């Protein structure tokens, strides 16, 4: 993996962890904690897909 992709993956994990921590601290995830992960995983995989689609073709 190249350094740029590793940086974006690490940044996404950190932002996701912060968002989940904030949700837990404000008790917004009492009943639906499992469902809170679904949009974050969808965003992660959409980002991976977009990166593959926009990457220049190497010969």
PDB file of N, CA and C in Angstrom:
ATOM      1  N   UNK A   1       0.846  -1.182   0.000  1.00  0.00           N
ATOM      2  CA  UNK A   1       0.000   0.000   0.000  1.00  0.00           C
ATOM      3  C   UNK A   1       0.888   1.241   0.000  1.00  0.00           C
ATOM      4  N   UNK A   2       0.451   2.213  -0.718  1.00  0.00           N
ATOM      5  CA  UNK A   2       1.233   3.437  -0.728  1.00  0.00           C
ATOM      6  C   UNK A   2       0.922   4.275   0.516  1.00  0.00           C
ATOM      7  N   UNK A   3       1.776   5.230   0.762  1.00  0.00           N
ATOM      8  CA  UNK A   3       1.677   6.041   1.979  1.00  0.00           C
ATOM      9  C   UNK A   3       0.408   6.874   2.026  1.00  0.00           C
ATOM     10  N   UNK A   4      -0.050   7.374   0.871  1.00  0.00           N
ATOM     11  CA  UNK A   4      -1.235   8.225   0.844  1.00  0.00           C
ATOM     12  C   UNK A   4      -2.476   7.436   1.262  1.00  0.00           C
ATOM     13  N   UNK A   5      -2.584   6.195   0.786  1.00  0.00           N
ATOM     14  CA  UNK A   5      -3.729   5.365   1.136  1.00  0.00           C
ATOM     15  C   UNK A   5      -3.702   5.002   2.620  1.00  0.00           C
ATOM     16  N   UNK A   6      -2.536   4.714   3.141  1.00  0.00           N
ATOM     17  CA  UNK A   6      -2.404   4.407   4.566  1.00  0.00           C
ATOM     18  C   UNK A   6      -2.808   5.611   5.399  1.00  0.00           C
ATOM     19  N   UNK A   7      -2.411   6.800   4.973  1.00  0.00           N
ATOM     20  CA  UNK A   7      -2.765   8.025   5.701  1.00  0.00           C
ATOM     21  C   UNK A   7      -4.274   8.222   5.721  1.00  0.00           C
ATOM     22  N   UNK A   8      -4.936   8.045   4.571  1.00  0.00           N
ATOM     23  CA  UNK A   8      -6.383   8.221   4.516  1.00  0.00           C
ATOM     24  C   UNK A   8      -7.108   7.160   5.338  1.00  0.00           C
ATOM     25  N   UNK A   9      -6.628   5.927   5.307  1.00  0.00           N
ATOM     26  CA  UNK A   9      -7.244   4.879   6.119  1.00  0.00           C
ATOM     27  C   UNK A   9      -7.105   5.185   7.603  1.00  0.00           C
ATOM     28  N   UNK A  10      -5.931   5.609   8.007  1.00  0.00           N
ATOM     29  CA  UNK A  10      -5.700   5.955   9.409  1.00  0.00           C
ATOM     30  C   UNK A  10      -6.551   7.153   9.822  1.00  0.00           C
ATOM     31  N   UNK A  11      -6.634   8.139   8.958  1.00  0.00           N
ATOM     32  CA  UNK A  11      -7.450   9.323   9.242  1.00  0.00           C
ATOM     33  C   UNK A  11      -8.918   8.949   9.388  1.00  0.00           C
ATOM     34  N   UNK A  12      -9.415   8.071   8.529  1.00  0.00           N
ATOM     35  CA  UNK A  12     -10.807   7.640   8.615  1.00  0.00           C
ATOM     36  C   UNK A  12     -11.065   6.899   9.922  1.00  0.00           C
ATOM     37  N   UNK A  13     -10.154   6.034  10.321  1.00  0.00           N
ATOM     38  CA  UNK A  13     -10.319   5.288  11.571  1.00  0.00           C
ATOM     39  C   UNK A  13     -10.348   6.238  12.763  1.00  0.00           C
ATOM     40  N   UNK A  14      -9.472   7.224  12.774  1.00  0.00           N
ATOM     41  CA  UNK A  14      -9.419   8.177  13.884  1.00  0.00           C
ATOM     42  C   UNK A  14     -10.699   9.012  13.942  1.00  0.00           C
ATOM     43  N   UNK A  15     -11.154   9.511  12.798  1.00  0.00           N
ATOM     44  CA  UNK A  15     -12.381  10.306  12.766  1.00  0.00           C
ATOM     45  C   UNK A  15     -13.582   9.474  13.191  1.00  0.00           C
ATOM     46  N   UNK A  16     -13.639   8.228  12.745  1.00  0.00           N
ATOM     47  CA  UNK A  16     -14.730   7.333  13.132  1.00  0.00           C
ATOM     48  C   UNK A  16     -14.712   7.076  14.636  1.00  0.00           C
ATOM     49  N   UNK A  17     -13.525   6.851  15.182  1.00  0.00           N
ATOM     50  CA  UNK A  17     -13.412   6.614  16.621  1.00  0.00           C
ATOM     51  C   UNK A  17     -13.861   7.843  17.413  1.00  0.00           C
ATOM     52  N   UNK A  18     -13.488   9.013  16.953  1.00  0.00           N
ATOM     53  CA  UNK A  18     -13.910  10.246  17.638  1.00  0.00           C
ATOM     54  C   UNK A  18     -15.422  10.405  17.559  1.00  0.00           C
ATOM     55  N   UNK A  19     -15.990  10.161  16.384  1.00  0.00           N
ATOM     56  CA  UNK A  19     -17.443  10.291  16.225  1.00  0.00           C
ATOM     57  C   UNK A  19     -18.183   9.306  17.133  1.00  0.00           C
ATOM     58  N   UNK A  20     -17.723   8.074  17.190  1.00  0.00           N
ATOM     59  CA  UNK A  20     -18.377   7.093  18.054  1.00  0.00           C
ATOM     60  C   UNK A  20     -18.219   7.451  19.530  1.00  0.00           C
ATOM     61  N   UNK A  21     -17.056   7.968  19.904  1.00  0.00           N
ATOM     62  CA  UNK A  21     -16.840   8.382  21.284  1.00  0.00           C
ATOM     63  C   UNK A  21     -17.792   9.517  21.667  1.00  0.00           C
ATOM     64  N   UNK A  22     -17.970  10.474  20.771  1.00  0.00           N
ATOM     65  CA  UNK A  22     -18.892  11.587  21.034  1.00  0.00           C
ATOM     66  C   UNK A  22     -20.319  11.062  21.166  1.00  0.00           C
ATOM     67  N   UNK A  23     -20.718  10.161  20.276  1.00  0.00           N
ATOM     68  CA  UNK A  23     -22.062   9.591  20.359  1.00  0.00           C
ATOM     69  C   UNK A  23     -22.282   8.856  21.676  1.00  0.00           C
ATOM     70  N   UNK A  24     -21.289   8.129  22.126  1.00  0.00           N
ATOM     71  CA  UNK A  24     -21.408   7.394  23.386  1.00  0.00           C
ATOM     72  C   UNK A  24     -21.447   8.352  24.572  1.00  0.00           C
ATOM     73  N   UNK A  25     -20.594   9.383  24.549  1.00  0.00           N
ATOM     74  CA  UNK A  25     -20.550  10.335  25.658  1.00  0.00           C
ATOM     75  C   UNK A  25     -21.861  11.086  25.831  1.00  0.00           C
ATOM     76  N   UNK A  26     -22.525  11.413  24.751  1.00  0.00           N
ATOM     77  CA  UNK A  26     -23.801  12.118  24.829  1.00  0.00           C
ATOM     78  C   UNK A  26     -24.986  11.164  24.896  1.00  0.00           C
ATOM     79  N   UNK A  27     -24.692   9.896  25.085  1.00  0.00           N
ATOM     80  CA  UNK A  27     -25.699   8.839  25.241  1.00  0.00           C
ATOM     81  C   UNK A  27     -26.718   8.834  24.104  1.00  0.00           C
ATOM     82  N   UNK A  28     -26.234   8.999  22.889  1.00  0.00           N
ATOM     83  CA  UNK A  28     -27.103   8.973  21.723  1.00  0.00           C
ATOM     84  C   UNK A  28     -27.199   7.580  21.110  1.00  0.00           C
ATOM     85  N   UNK A  29     -26.486   6.634  21.706  1.00  0.00           N
ATOM     86  CA  UNK A  29     -26.427   5.290  21.119  1.00  0.00           C
ATOM     87  C   UNK A  29     -26.950   4.226  22.069  1.00  0.00           C
ATOM     88  N   UNK A  30     -27.922   4.568  22.887  1.00  0.00           N
ATOM     89  CA  UNK A  30     -28.412   3.609  23.869  1.00  0.00           C
ATOM     90  C   UNK A  30     -28.948   2.340  23.221  1.00  0.00           C
ATOM     91  N   UNK A  31     -29.794   2.486  22.237  1.00  0.00           N
ATOM     92  CA  UNK A  31     -30.437   1.314  21.648  1.00  0.00           C
ATOM     93  C   UNK A  31     -29.840   0.897  20.311  1.00  0.00           C
ATOM     94  N   UNK A  32     -29.186   1.818  19.615  1.00  0.00           N
ATOM     95  CA  UNK A  32     -28.839   1.570  18.225  1.00  0.00           C
ATOM     96  C   UNK A  32     -27.339   1.628  17.943  1.00  0.00           C
ATOM     97  N   UNK A  33     -26.510   1.171  18.859  1.00  0.00           N
ATOM     98  CA  UNK A  33     -25.066   1.248  18.660  1.00  0.00           C
ATOM     99  C   UNK A  33     -24.618   0.427  17.454  1.00  0.00           C
ATOM    100  N   UNK A  34     -25.201  -0.740  17.271  1.00  0.00           N
ATOM    101  CA  UNK A  34     -24.838  -1.565  16.127  1.00  0.00           C
ATOM    102  C   UNK A  34     -25.174  -0.909  14.809  1.00  0.00           C
ATOM    103  N   UNK A  35     -26.272  -0.184  14.783  1.00  0.00           N
ATOM    104  CA  UNK A  35     -26.675   0.491  13.556  1.00  0.00           C
ATOM    105  C   UNK A  35     -25.835   1.731  13.280  1.00  0.00           C
ATOM    106  N   UNK A  36     -25.175   2.279  14.284  1.00  0.00           N
ATOM    107  CA  UNK A  36     -24.329   3.452  14.083  1.00  0.00           C
ATOM    108  C   UNK A  36     -23.099   3.096  13.249  1.00  0.00           C
ATOM    109  N   UNK A  37     -22.685   1.850  13.288  1.00  0.00           N
ATOM    110  CA  UNK A  37     -21.505   1.437  12.524  1.00  0.00           C
ATOM    111  C   UNK A  37     -21.799   1.270  11.042  1.00  0.00           C
ATOM    112  N   UNK A  38     -23.027   0.977  10.693  1.00  0.00           N
ATOM    113  CA  UNK A  38     -23.367   0.695   9.295  1.00  0.00           C
ATOM    114  C   UNK A  38     -23.082   1.879   8.375  1.00  0.00           C
ATOM    115  N   UNK A  39     -23.546   3.111   8.675  1.00  0.00           N
ATOM    116  CA  UNK A  39     -23.216   4.232   7.771  1.00  0.00           C
ATOM    117  C   UNK A  39     -21.719   4.503   7.691  1.00  0.00           C
ATOM    118  N   UNK A  40     -21.008   4.285   8.777  1.00  0.00           N
ATOM    119  CA  UNK A  40     -19.562   4.514   8.758  1.00  0.00           C
ATOM    120  C   UNK A  40     -18.852   3.489   7.889  1.00  0.00           C
ATOM    121  N   UNK A  41     -19.273   2.244   7.963  1.00  0.00           N
ATOM    122  CA  UNK A  41     -18.680   1.224   7.095  1.00  0.00           C
ATOM    123  C   UNK A  41     -19.037   1.476   5.636  1.00  0.00           C
ATOM    124  N   UNK A  42     -20.256   1.900   5.368  1.00  0.00           N
ATOM    125  CA  UNK A  42     -20.650   2.219   3.998  1.00  0.00           C
ATOM    126  C   UNK A  42     -19.791   3.364   3.467  1.00  0.00           C
ATOM    127  N   UNK A  43     -19.573   4.385   4.272  1.00  0.00           N
ATOM    128  CA  UNK A  43     -18.738   5.514   3.847  1.00  0.00           C
ATOM    129  C   UNK A  43     -17.310   5.057   3.571  1.00  0.00           C
ATOM    130  N   UNK A  44     -16.795   4.175   4.399  1.00  0.00           N
ATOM    131  CA  UNK A  44     -15.433   3.671   4.208  1.00  0.00           C
ATOM    132  C   UNK A  44     -15.313   2.914   2.885  1.00  0.00           C
ATOM    133  N   UNK A  45     -16.239   2.004   2.637  1.00  0.00           N
ATOM    134  CA  UNK A  45     -16.156   1.199   1.422  1.00  0.00           C
ATOM    135  C   UNK A  45     -16.473   2.019   0.167  1.00  0.00           C
ATOM    136  N   UNK A  46     -17.344   3.010   0.273  1.00  0.00           N
ATOM    137  CA  UNK A  46     -17.564   3.906  -0.863  1.00  0.00           C
ATOM    138  C   UNK A  46     -16.303   4.713  -1.176  1.00  0.00           C
ATOM    139  N   UNK A  47     -15.590   5.120  -0.164  1.00  0.00           N
ATOM    140  CA  UNK A  47     -14.327   5.822  -0.361  1.00  0.00           C
ATOM    141  C   UNK A  47     -13.286   4.940  -1.027  1.00  0.00           C
ATOM    142  N   UNK A  48     -13.223   3.678  -0.621  1.00  0.00           N
ATOM    143  CA  UNK A  48     -12.299   2.735  -1.251  1.00  0.00           C
ATOM    144  C   UNK A  48     -12.659   2.533  -2.718  1.00  0.00           C
ATOM    145  N   UNK A  49     -13.944   2.397  -2.997  1.00  0.00           N
ATOM    146  CA  UNK A  49     -14.409   2.193  -4.367  1.00  0.00           C
ATOM    147  C   UNK A  49     -14.088   3.421  -5.230  1.00  0.00           C
ATOM    148  N   UNK A  50     -14.354   4.619  -4.688  1.00  0.00           N
ATOM    149  CA  UNK A  50     -14.086   5.849  -5.432  1.00  0.00           C
ATOM    150  C   UNK A  50     -12.595   6.003  -5.714  1.00  0.00           C
ATOM    151  N   UNK A  51     -11.774   5.599  -4.767  1.00  0.00           N
ATOM    152  CA  UNK A  51     -10.327   5.680  -4.963  1.00  0.00           C
ATOM    153  C   UNK A  51      -9.893   4.767  -6.099  1.00  0.00           C
ATOM    154  N   UNK A  52     -10.447   3.592  -6.178  1.00  0.00           N
ATOM    155  CA  UNK A  52     -10.095   2.657  -7.260  1.00  0.00           C
ATOM    156  C   UNK A  52     -10.595   3.171  -8.612  1.00  0.00           C
ATOM    157  N   UNK A  53     -11.770   3.805  -8.634  1.00  0.00           N
ATOM    158  CA  UNK A  53     -12.336   4.308  -9.883  1.00  0.00           C
ATOM    159  C   UNK A  53     -11.594   5.533 -10.405  1.00  0.00           C
ATOM    160  N   UNK A  54     -11.058   6.363  -9.525  1.00  0.00           N
ATOM    161  CA  UNK A  54     -10.420   7.599  -9.955  1.00  0.00           C
ATOM    162  C   UNK A  54      -8.912   7.460 -10.103  1.00  0.00           C
ATOM    163  N   UNK A  55      -8.367   6.333  -9.719  1.00  0.00           N
ATOM    164  CA  UNK A  55      -6.924   6.119  -9.843  1.00  0.00           C
ATOM    165  C   UNK A  55      -6.555   6.045 -11.331  1.00  0.00           C
ATOM    166  N   UNK A  56      -5.488   6.715 -11.730  1.00  0.00           N
ATOM    167  CA  UNK A  56      -5.090   6.633 -13.140  1.00  0.00           C
ATOM    168  C   UNK A  56      -4.628   5.220 -13.484  1.00  0.00           C
ATOM    169  N   UNK A  57      -4.955   4.799 -14.672  1.00  0.00           N
ATOM    170  CA  UNK A  57      -4.569   3.467 -15.136  1.00  0.00           C
ATOM    171  C   UNK A  57      -3.062   3.434 -15.375  1.00  0.00           C
ATOM    172  N   UNK A  58      -2.406   2.428 -14.813  1.00  0.00           N
ATOM    173  CA  UNK A  58      -0.956   2.284 -15.039  1.00  0.00           C
ATOM    174  C   UNK A  58      -0.735   1.242 -16.126  1.00  0.00           C
ATOM    175  N   UNK A  59       0.249   1.490 -16.944  1.00  0.00           N
ATOM    176  CA  UNK A  59       0.533   0.573 -18.057  1.00  0.00           C
ATOM    177  C   UNK A  59       1.653  -0.349 -17.726  1.00  0.00           C
TER     178      UNK A  59
END
